[in-house]
Protein backbone atom coordinates (compact mmCIF):
# COMPACT_ATOMS: atom_id res chain seq x y z
CA MET A 1 -6.38 -14.73 18.36
CA PRO A 2 -7.48 -12.04 15.89
CA LEU A 3 -5.19 -9.64 17.35
CA LEU A 4 -2.32 -12.01 16.97
CA PHE A 5 -3.33 -12.69 13.45
CA TRP A 6 -3.52 -9.01 12.62
CA VAL A 7 -0.15 -8.27 14.30
CA SER A 8 1.28 -11.13 11.89
CA VAL A 9 -0.31 -9.56 8.81
CA THR A 10 1.17 -6.07 9.96
CA TYR A 11 4.61 -7.74 10.38
CA VAL A 12 4.45 -9.39 6.72
CA PHE A 13 3.21 -6.13 5.18
CA SER A 14 6.10 -4.39 6.78
CA SER A 15 8.71 -6.62 5.20
CA ASP A 16 10.73 -5.83 2.10
CA ALA A 17 8.24 -7.86 -0.05
CA PHE A 18 5.77 -4.99 0.39
CA SER A 19 8.17 -1.94 0.17
CA ALA A 20 7.55 0.89 -2.13
CA SER A 21 9.84 -0.28 -4.81
CA GLU A 22 7.94 -3.70 -4.92
CA THR A 23 4.56 -2.41 -4.89
CA SER A 24 5.23 0.37 -7.42
CA SER A 25 5.96 -2.44 -10.01
CA PHE A 26 2.41 -3.79 -9.41
CA LEU A 27 0.39 -0.56 -8.53
CA GLY A 28 2.16 1.73 -11.09
CA PRO A 29 0.79 0.02 -14.26
CA ILE A 30 -2.56 -0.37 -12.79
CA LEU A 31 -2.91 3.36 -11.89
CA ALA A 32 -1.63 4.21 -15.24
CA PHE A 33 -4.20 2.11 -17.00
CA LEU A 34 -7.02 3.25 -14.93
CA PHE A 35 -5.94 6.92 -15.00
CA PRO A 36 -4.20 7.53 -18.39
CA TRP A 37 -4.23 11.31 -18.03
CA LEU A 38 -1.90 11.21 -14.92
CA SER A 39 1.69 12.08 -15.30
CA ASP A 40 4.54 9.80 -13.84
CA ASP A 41 4.93 12.08 -10.90
CA GLN A 42 1.19 12.13 -10.21
CA VAL A 43 1.06 8.25 -10.47
CA SER A 44 3.93 8.18 -7.94
CA ALA A 45 2.00 10.55 -5.72
CA VAL A 46 -1.12 8.44 -5.83
CA HIS A 47 0.99 5.28 -5.18
CA GLY A 48 2.41 7.04 -2.08
CA ALA A 49 -1.17 8.12 -0.96
CA ILE A 50 -2.38 4.54 -1.35
CA ARG A 51 0.47 3.27 0.69
CA LYS A 52 -0.14 5.82 3.44
CA PHE A 53 -3.77 5.04 3.51
CA GLY A 54 -2.80 1.31 3.97
CA HIS A 55 -0.81 2.14 6.97
CA VAL A 56 -3.65 4.08 8.48
CA ALA A 57 -6.31 1.16 7.63
CA GLU A 58 -3.97 -1.45 9.02
CA PHE A 59 -3.59 0.25 12.38
CA PHE A 60 -7.32 1.11 12.35
CA VAL A 61 -8.21 -2.49 12.14
CA MET A 62 -5.87 -3.32 14.79
CA ALA A 63 -7.30 -0.73 17.07
CA VAL A 64 -10.81 -1.99 16.51
């Protein structure tokens, strides 16, 4: 059951609702507020790194 649950979570996170364009409207302002010295390009890079870490974390949990 836990594996099926996590596969479902992975499926939902892989949908358009969690695409880069959708999450940037949420994470971008938060990153800009927390790190005001970052340029727009740097905020985009951090956003991308967070998203890539999310993929790794998602499949790490599935592997465990």
